[in-house]
Amino acid sequence: MFEKIRKFLSEIVAELKKVTWPTRDELKESTKLVIIATFVVTIFVGLVDQLLTLLIRRLLGW
């Protein structure tokens, strides 16, 4: 059992050595992109929500 665990952990280390890790600058740019995309999607969903709320209220006469 311990041999299987050791083999598993060594395979993990071998796979992690194959990974191409991003540079600090790449990571910063990716983070900025995610924040901006999240902000844009939030605004879009908020506007659609407001529009649908207005539409439903007019249809139901509230």
Protein backbone atom coordinates (compact mmCIF):
# COMPACT_ATOMS: atom_id res chain seq x y z
CA MET A 1 0.00 0.00 0.00
CA PHE A 2 2.79 2.46 0.90
CA GLU A 3 4.52 1.64 -2.36
CA LYS A 4 1.40 2.66 -4.30
CA ILE A 5 1.19 5.93 -2.37
CA ARG A 6 4.88 6.65 -3.02
CA LYS A 7 4.44 5.90 -6.72
CA PHE A 8 1.36 8.11 -6.90
CA LEU A 9 3.17 11.03 -5.25
CA SER A 10 6.20 10.65 -7.50
CA GLU A 11 3.91 10.69 -10.54
CA ILE A 12 2.33 13.89 -9.25
CA VAL A 13 5.76 15.51 -8.96
CA ALA A 14 6.66 14.35 -12.47
CA GLU A 15 3.46 15.82 -13.92
CA LEU A 16 3.94 19.12 -12.08
CA LYS A 17 7.41 19.44 -13.63
CA LYS A 18 5.77 19.28 -17.08
CA VAL A 19 3.49 22.23 -16.33
CA THR A 20 4.30 25.55 -17.98
CA TRP A 21 3.69 28.05 -15.19
CA PRO A 22 2.73 31.61 -16.14
CA THR A 23 5.12 34.47 -15.54
CA ARG A 24 4.22 37.19 -13.06
CA ASP A 25 3.28 39.57 -15.90
CA GLU A 26 1.09 36.94 -17.59
CA LEU A 27 -0.63 36.28 -14.29
CA LYS A 28 -1.28 40.00 -13.73
CA GLU A 29 -2.76 40.41 -17.21
CA SER A 30 -4.96 37.34 -16.82
CA THR A 31 -6.18 38.58 -13.45
CA LYS A 32 -7.04 42.00 -14.92
CA LEU A 33 -8.93 40.32 -17.75
CA VAL A 34 -10.95 38.17 -15.35
CA ILE A 35 -11.84 41.19 -13.19
CA ILE A 36 -12.92 43.24 -16.22
CA ALA A 37 -14.92 40.36 -17.71
CA THR A 38 -16.64 39.77 -14.36
CA PHE A 39 -17.53 43.46 -14.13
CA VAL A 40 -18.94 43.51 -17.69
CA VAL A 41 -21.01 40.36 -17.13
CA THR A 42 -22.31 41.75 -13.83
CA ILE A 43 -23.45 44.95 -15.53
CA PHE A 44 -25.09 42.97 -18.35
CA VAL A 45 -26.96 40.64 -15.99
CA GLY A 46 -28.07 43.59 -13.86
CA LEU A 47 -29.44 45.42 -16.91
CA VAL A 48 -31.25 42.34 -18.20
CA ASP A 49 -32.72 41.80 -14.71
CA GLN A 50 -33.98 45.39 -14.56
CA LEU A 51 -35.43 45.14 -18.07
CA LEU A 52 -37.23 41.87 -17.33
CA THR A 53 -38.53 43.24 -14.01
CA LEU A 54 -39.93 46.30 -15.78
CA LEU A 55 -41.48 44.15 -18.51
CA ILE A 56 -43.13 41.75 -16.06
CA ARG A 57 -44.48 44.60 -13.92
CA ARG A 58 -46.05 46.24 -16.97
CA LEU A 59 -47.53 42.96 -18.16
CA LEU A 60 -49.01 42.21 -14.72
CA GLY A 61 -50.07 45.82 -14.11
CA TRP A 62 -48.20 46.33 -10.83
